[in-house]
Amino acid sequence: MAPERLNQAINKLPQDTQCWAELRYGQNLLTDSDIHNPGTLVNFHQRERVAFHEEGHASLARALGWTVLLETVVPDGSSLGMTKAAPNSSKTPDQLILDAIAISAGGEAAEEMLGVSDHSGCGFDRGKQRYLASIFLLITGSRGSVDSVISGQKSRARSFLGSIGLYTHQQNSMTLLRACA
């Protein structure tokens, strides 16, 4: 496609999809016909972001010794994706709760790796983190705050995802996206 026609087609896309489309086109992951079908591109872009988010949860779960039971980007009701994991170790209840908070924070931490600042799709995860942090404080008798417990586990999630790197995380996300196509 001629550069000027490509730019005209890309400029018609929503702002957050433009840069993504240029990158994917440059990587030969999008065709000329894809570029001229904005609806398909926006849908694919959103699904790729959801896959990245869900892979954040799954990567954390596996790293913490949990078994990933389900990881999908097939929409179901109000959810665009889902990851379910179960512990398979002999950790203490308080450590399992901290693990669950970190796993729940993994989706948002993964989105941050992409430079995404709108985490409006993380509402369920955030509610779960608050609930688990409250339980953690109750069973441990700690005098800390819910926010400080969550902050510590978000840092743990960011640190781990940073250690595996963006490229590996992107590859895992694309594998998930293809598996759910």
C-alpha atoms as a PDB file:
ATOM      1  CA  MET A   1       0.000   0.000   0.000  1.00  0.00           C
ATOM      2  CA  ALA A   2       1.269   3.470  -0.818  1.00  0.00           C
ATOM      3  CA  PRO A   3       2.444   5.343   2.302  1.00  0.00           C
ATOM      4  CA  GLU A   4      -0.040   8.194   1.826  1.00  0.00           C
ATOM      5  CA  ARG A   5      -3.007   5.778   1.479  1.00  0.00           C
ATOM      6  CA  LEU A   6      -1.799   3.869   4.550  1.00  0.00           C
ATOM      7  CA  ASN A   7      -1.578   7.112   6.562  1.00  0.00           C
ATOM      8  CA  GLN A   8      -5.072   8.173   5.428  1.00  0.00           C
ATOM      9  CA  ALA A   9      -6.533   4.818   6.478  1.00  0.00           C
ATOM     10  CA  ILE A  10      -4.728   4.792   9.830  1.00  0.00           C
ATOM     11  CA  ASN A  11      -5.729   8.403  10.598  1.00  0.00           C
ATOM     12  CA  LYS A  12      -9.405   7.343  10.434  1.00  0.00           C
ATOM     13  CA  LEU A  13      -8.893   4.943  13.359  1.00  0.00           C
ATOM     14  CA  PRO A  14      -9.459   5.876  17.023  1.00  0.00           C
ATOM     15  CA  GLN A  15      -6.390   7.564  18.539  1.00  0.00           C
ATOM     16  CA  ASP A  16      -5.379   4.633  20.760  1.00  0.00           C
ATOM     17  CA  THR A  17      -5.530   2.228  17.810  1.00  0.00           C
ATOM     18  CA  GLN A  18      -3.444   4.307  15.363  1.00  0.00           C
ATOM     19  CA  CYS A  19       0.004   3.669  16.865  1.00  0.00           C
ATOM     20  CA  TRP A  20      -0.833   0.002  17.438  1.00  0.00           C
ATOM     21  CA  ALA A  21      -1.971  -0.407  13.802  1.00  0.00           C
ATOM     22  CA  GLU A  22       1.224   1.211  12.457  1.00  0.00           C
ATOM     23  CA  LEU A  23       3.345  -1.115  14.597  1.00  0.00           C
ATOM     24  CA  ARG A  24       1.431  -4.280  13.658  1.00  0.00           C
ATOM     25  CA  TYR A  25       1.417  -3.313   9.954  1.00  0.00           C
ATOM     26  CA  GLY A  26       5.183  -2.773  10.106  1.00  0.00           C
ATOM     27  CA  GLN A  27       5.540  -6.246  11.642  1.00  0.00           C
ATOM     28  CA  ASN A  28       3.490  -7.701   8.745  1.00  0.00           C
ATOM     29  CA  LEU A  29       0.786  -8.778  11.218  1.00  0.00           C
ATOM     30  CA  LEU A  30      -1.875  -6.731   9.440  1.00  0.00           C
ATOM     31  CA  THR A  31      -2.757  -6.726   5.762  1.00  0.00           C
ATOM     32  CA  ASP A  32      -3.807  -3.828   3.553  1.00  0.00           C
ATOM     33  CA  SER A  33      -7.417  -5.030   3.750  1.00  0.00           C
ATOM     34  CA  ASP A  34      -7.192  -5.092   7.575  1.00  0.00           C
ATOM     35  CA  ILE A  35      -6.149  -1.433   7.586  1.00  0.00           C
ATOM     36  CA  HIS A  36      -9.255  -0.518   5.554  1.00  0.00           C
ATOM     37  CA  ASN A  37     -11.616  -2.274   7.972  1.00  0.00           C
ATOM     38  CA  PRO A  38     -11.576  -0.111  11.133  1.00  0.00           C
ATOM     39  CA  GLY A  39     -14.152  -2.246  12.963  1.00  0.00           C
ATOM     40  CA  THR A  40     -12.016  -5.355  12.657  1.00  0.00           C
ATOM     41  CA  LEU A  41      -8.903  -3.460  13.743  1.00  0.00           C
ATOM     42  CA  VAL A  42     -10.487  -1.927  16.836  1.00  0.00           C
ATOM     43  CA  ASN A  43     -11.893  -5.323  17.836  1.00  0.00           C
ATOM     44  CA  PHE A  44      -8.538  -7.058  17.300  1.00  0.00           C
ATOM     45  CA  HIS A  45      -6.707  -4.294  19.180  1.00  0.00           C
ATOM     46  CA  GLN A  46      -9.082  -4.623  22.153  1.00  0.00           C
ATOM     47  CA  ARG A  47      -8.775  -8.417  22.168  1.00  0.00           C
ATOM     48  CA  GLU A  48      -4.976  -8.166  22.081  1.00  0.00           C
ATOM     49  CA  ARG A  49      -5.065  -5.823  25.084  1.00  0.00           C
ATOM     50  CA  VAL A  50      -7.388  -8.225  26.947  1.00  0.00           C
ATOM     51  CA  ALA A  51      -5.015 -11.116  26.128  1.00  0.00           C
ATOM     52  CA  PHE A  52      -2.106  -9.078  27.497  1.00  0.00           C
ATOM     53  CA  HIS A  53      -4.103  -8.376  30.675  1.00  0.00           C
ATOM     54  CA  GLU A  54      -5.124 -12.017  31.187  1.00  0.00           C
ATOM     55  CA  GLU A  55      -1.600 -13.248  30.497  1.00  0.00           C
ATOM     56  CA  GLY A  56      -0.451 -10.918  33.292  1.00  0.00           C
ATOM     57  CA  HIS A  57      -2.668 -12.824  35.733  1.00  0.00           C
ATOM     58  CA  ALA A  58      -1.571 -16.226  34.379  1.00  0.00           C
ATOM     59  CA  SER A  59       2.152 -15.400  34.384  1.00  0.00           C
ATOM     60  CA  LEU A  60       1.982 -14.314  38.021  1.00  0.00           C
ATOM     61  CA  ALA A  61      -0.007 -17.408  38.993  1.00  0.00           C
ATOM     62  CA  ARG A  62       2.490 -19.774  37.370  1.00  0.00           C
ATOM     63  CA  ALA A  63       5.461 -17.929  38.887  1.00  0.00           C
ATOM     64  CA  LEU A  64       3.923 -18.213  42.351  1.00  0.00           C
ATOM     65  CA  GLY A  65       3.402 -21.955  42.004  1.00  0.00           C
ATOM     66  CA  TRP A  66      -0.308 -21.891  41.236  1.00  0.00           C
ATOM     67  CA  THR A  67      -1.977 -24.001  38.548  1.00  0.00           C
ATOM     68  CA  VAL A  68      -3.714 -22.001  35.819  1.00  0.00           C
ATOM     69  CA  LEU A  69      -7.068 -23.705  35.314  1.00  0.00           C
ATOM     70  CA  LEU A  70      -8.531 -21.350  32.711  1.00  0.00           C
ATOM     71  CA  GLU A  71      -7.219 -18.473  30.644  1.00  0.00           C
ATOM     72  CA  THR A  72      -9.427 -17.053  27.933  1.00  0.00           C
ATOM     73  CA  VAL A  73     -10.198 -13.922  25.945  1.00  0.00           C
ATOM     74  CA  VAL A  74     -13.586 -15.190  24.825  1.00  0.00           C
ATOM     75  CA  PRO A  75     -16.149 -12.659  26.076  1.00  0.00           C
ATOM     76  CA  ASP A  76     -18.611 -14.012  28.622  1.00  0.00           C
ATOM     77  CA  GLY A  77     -21.334 -11.721  29.924  1.00  0.00           C
ATOM     78  CA  SER A  78     -19.727  -8.502  31.135  1.00  0.00           C
ATOM     79  CA  SER A  79     -16.215  -9.995  31.098  1.00  0.00           C
ATOM     80  CA  LEU A  80     -13.949  -9.726  28.051  1.00  0.00           C
ATOM     81  CA  GLY A  81     -11.563 -12.350  29.410  1.00  0.00           C
ATOM     82  CA  MET A  82     -10.879 -14.483  32.438  1.00  0.00           C
ATOM     83  CA  THR A  83      -8.088 -16.293  34.244  1.00  0.00           C
ATOM     84  CA  LYS A  84      -8.703 -18.805  37.005  1.00  0.00           C
ATOM     85  CA  ALA A  85      -5.916 -20.338  39.060  1.00  0.00           C
ATOM     86  CA  ALA A  86      -5.627 -22.560  42.114  1.00  0.00           C
ATOM     87  CA  PRO A  87      -2.807 -22.831  44.636  1.00  0.00           C
ATOM     88  CA  ASN A  88      -0.927 -26.116  44.704  1.00  0.00           C
ATOM     89  CA  SER A  89       1.530 -25.530  47.499  1.00  0.00           C
ATOM     90  CA  SER A  90       1.636 -25.698  51.244  1.00  0.00           C
ATOM     91  CA  LYS A  91       1.845 -21.957  51.826  1.00  0.00           C
ATOM     92  CA  THR A  92       0.245 -20.367  54.857  1.00  0.00           C
ATOM     93  CA  PRO A  93      -3.222 -18.807  54.457  1.00  0.00           C
ATOM     94  CA  ASP A  94      -1.830 -15.283  54.736  1.00  0.00           C
ATOM     95  CA  GLN A  95       0.787 -15.998  52.037  1.00  0.00           C
ATOM     96  CA  LEU A  96      -1.902 -17.480  49.766  1.00  0.00           C
ATOM     97  CA  ILE A  97      -3.961 -14.308  50.187  1.00  0.00           C
ATOM     98  CA  LEU A  98      -0.957 -12.126  49.303  1.00  0.00           C
ATOM     99  CA  ASP A  99      -0.334 -14.335  46.256  1.00  0.00           C
ATOM    100  CA  ALA A 100      -3.978 -13.944  45.199  1.00  0.00           C
ATOM    101  CA  ILE A 101      -3.727 -10.154  45.497  1.00  0.00           C
ATOM    102  CA  ALA A 102      -0.531 -10.132  43.396  1.00  0.00           C
ATOM    103  CA  ILE A 103      -2.149 -12.394  40.774  1.00  0.00           C
ATOM    104  CA  SER A 104      -5.180 -10.124  40.683  1.00  0.00           C
ATOM    105  CA  ALA A 105      -2.871  -7.111  40.184  1.00  0.00           C
ATOM    106  CA  GLY A 106      -1.044  -8.883  37.337  1.00  0.00           C
ATOM    107  CA  GLY A 107      -3.539  -7.776  34.682  1.00  0.00           C
ATOM    108  CA  GLU A 108      -3.193  -4.097  35.471  1.00  0.00           C
ATOM    109  CA  ALA A 109       0.594  -4.423  35.801  1.00  0.00           C
ATOM    110  CA  ALA A 110       0.696  -6.010  32.345  1.00  0.00           C
ATOM    111  CA  GLU A 111      -1.369  -3.157  30.890  1.00  0.00           C
ATOM    112  CA  GLU A 112       1.109  -0.696  32.394  1.00  0.00           C
ATOM    113  CA  MET A 113       3.893  -2.476  30.481  1.00  0.00           C
ATOM    114  CA  LEU A 114       2.031  -1.515  27.299  1.00  0.00           C
ATOM    115  CA  GLY A 115       1.794   2.098  28.442  1.00  0.00           C
ATOM    116  CA  VAL A 116      -1.965   1.847  29.014  1.00  0.00           C
ATOM    117  CA  SER A 117      -3.171   4.359  31.598  1.00  0.00           C
ATOM    118  CA  ASP A 118      -6.918   3.700  31.334  1.00  0.00           C
ATOM    119  CA  HIS A 119      -7.540   0.725  33.608  1.00  0.00           C
ATOM    120  CA  SER A 120     -11.341   0.991  33.504  1.00  0.00           C
ATOM    121  CA  GLY A 121     -11.559  -2.732  32.735  1.00  0.00           C
ATOM    122  CA  CYS A 122      -9.834  -3.601  36.025  1.00  0.00           C
ATOM    123  CA  GLY A 123     -12.784  -2.830  38.316  1.00  0.00           C
ATOM    124  CA  PHE A 124     -13.477  -6.443  39.273  1.00  0.00           C
ATOM    125  CA  ASP A 125      -9.779  -7.061  39.932  1.00  0.00           C
ATOM    126  CA  ARG A 126      -9.546  -3.973  42.139  1.00  0.00           C
ATOM    127  CA  GLY A 127     -12.611  -4.974  44.150  1.00  0.00           C
ATOM    128  CA  LYS A 128     -11.167  -8.441  44.650  1.00  0.00           C
ATOM    129  CA  GLN A 129      -7.853  -6.948  45.807  1.00  0.00           C
ATOM    130  CA  ARG A 130      -9.622  -4.744  48.397  1.00  0.00           C
ATOM    131  CA  TYR A 131     -11.648  -7.676  49.705  1.00  0.00           C
ATOM    132  CA  LEU A 132      -8.599  -9.953  49.986  1.00  0.00           C
ATOM    133  CA  ALA A 133      -6.474  -7.231  51.593  1.00  0.00           C
ATOM    134  CA  SER A 134      -9.194  -6.705  54.216  1.00  0.00           C
ATOM    135  CA  ILE A 135      -9.220 -10.431  54.994  1.00  0.00           C
ATOM    136  CA  PHE A 136      -5.413 -10.449  55.165  1.00  0.00           C
ATOM    137  CA  LEU A 137      -5.438  -7.655  57.740  1.00  0.00           C
ATOM    138  CA  LEU A 138      -8.099  -9.463  59.782  1.00  0.00           C
ATOM    139  CA  ILE A 139      -6.345 -12.837  59.915  1.00  0.00           C
ATOM    140  CA  THR A 140      -2.890 -11.413  60.564  1.00  0.00           C
ATOM    141  CA  GLY A 141      -4.025  -8.770  63.047  1.00  0.00           C
ATOM    142  CA  SER A 142      -1.883  -6.223  61.202  1.00  0.00           C
ATOM    143  CA  ARG A 143      -2.429  -2.548  61.747  1.00  0.00           C
ATOM    144  CA  GLY A 144      -1.580  -1.693  58.139  1.00  0.00           C
ATOM    145  CA  SER A 145      -4.025  -0.327  55.627  1.00  0.00           C
ATOM    146  CA  VAL A 146      -5.817  -2.090  52.799  1.00  0.00           C
ATOM    147  CA  ASP A 147      -4.149   0.310  50.356  1.00  0.00           C
ATOM    148  CA  SER A 148      -0.648  -0.465  51.652  1.00  0.00           C
ATOM    149  CA  VAL A 149      -1.230  -4.231  51.323  1.00  0.00           C
ATOM    150  CA  ILE A 150      -2.488  -3.773  47.745  1.00  0.00           C
ATOM    151  CA  SER A 151       0.369  -1.423  46.888  1.00  0.00           C
ATOM    152  CA  GLY A 152       2.935  -3.957  48.049  1.00  0.00           C
ATOM    153  CA  GLN A 153       1.409  -6.721  45.949  1.00  0.00           C
ATOM    154  CA  LYS A 154       1.072  -4.473  42.881  1.00  0.00           C
ATOM    155  CA  SER A 155       4.791  -3.743  43.213  1.00  0.00           C
ATOM    156  CA  ARG A 156       5.445  -7.475  43.437  1.00  0.00           C
ATOM    157  CA  ALA A 157       3.415  -8.034  40.238  1.00  0.00           C
ATOM    158  CA  ARG A 158       5.189  -5.215  38.369  1.00  0.00           C
ATOM    159  CA  SER A 159       8.577  -6.500  39.444  1.00  0.00           C
ATOM    160  CA  PHE A 160       7.915 -10.023  38.232  1.00  0.00           C
ATOM    161  CA  LEU A 161       6.407  -8.982  34.894  1.00  0.00           C
ATOM    162  CA  GLY A 162       9.326  -6.590  34.394  1.00  0.00           C
ATOM    163  CA  SER A 163      11.721  -9.483  34.936  1.00  0.00           C
ATOM    164  CA  ILE A 164      10.175 -11.636  32.200  1.00  0.00           C
ATOM    165  CA  GLY A 165      10.234  -8.722  29.789  1.00  0.00           C
ATOM    166  CA  LEU A 166       7.820  -7.155  27.354  1.00  0.00           C
ATOM    167  CA  TYR A 167       8.761  -9.330  24.378  1.00  0.00           C
ATOM    168  CA  THR A 168       8.146 -12.633  26.192  1.00  0.00           C
ATOM    169  CA  HIS A 169       4.893 -11.336  27.610  1.00  0.00           C
ATOM    170  CA  GLN A 170       3.756 -10.212  24.142  1.00  0.00           C
ATOM    171  CA  GLN A 171       4.576 -13.633  22.672  1.00  0.00           C
ATOM    172  CA  ASN A 172       2.596 -15.398  25.413  1.00  0.00           C
ATOM    173  CA  SER A 173      -0.333 -13.013  24.900  1.00  0.00           C
ATOM    174  CA  MET A 174      -0.388 -13.608  21.147  1.00  0.00           C
ATOM    175  CA  THR A 175      -0.368 -17.378  21.761  1.00  0.00           C
ATOM    176  CA  LEU A 176      -3.408 -16.964  24.009  1.00  0.00           C
ATOM    177  CA  LEU A 177      -5.142 -14.757  21.457  1.00  0.00           C
ATOM    178  CA  ARG A 178      -4.605 -17.299  18.671  1.00  0.00           C
ATOM    179  CA  ALA A 179      -5.778 -20.169  20.894  1.00  0.00           C
ATOM    180  CA  CYS A 180      -9.036 -18.346  21.616  1.00  0.00           C
ATOM    181  CA  ALA A 181      -9.678 -17.235  18.023  1.00  0.00           C
END
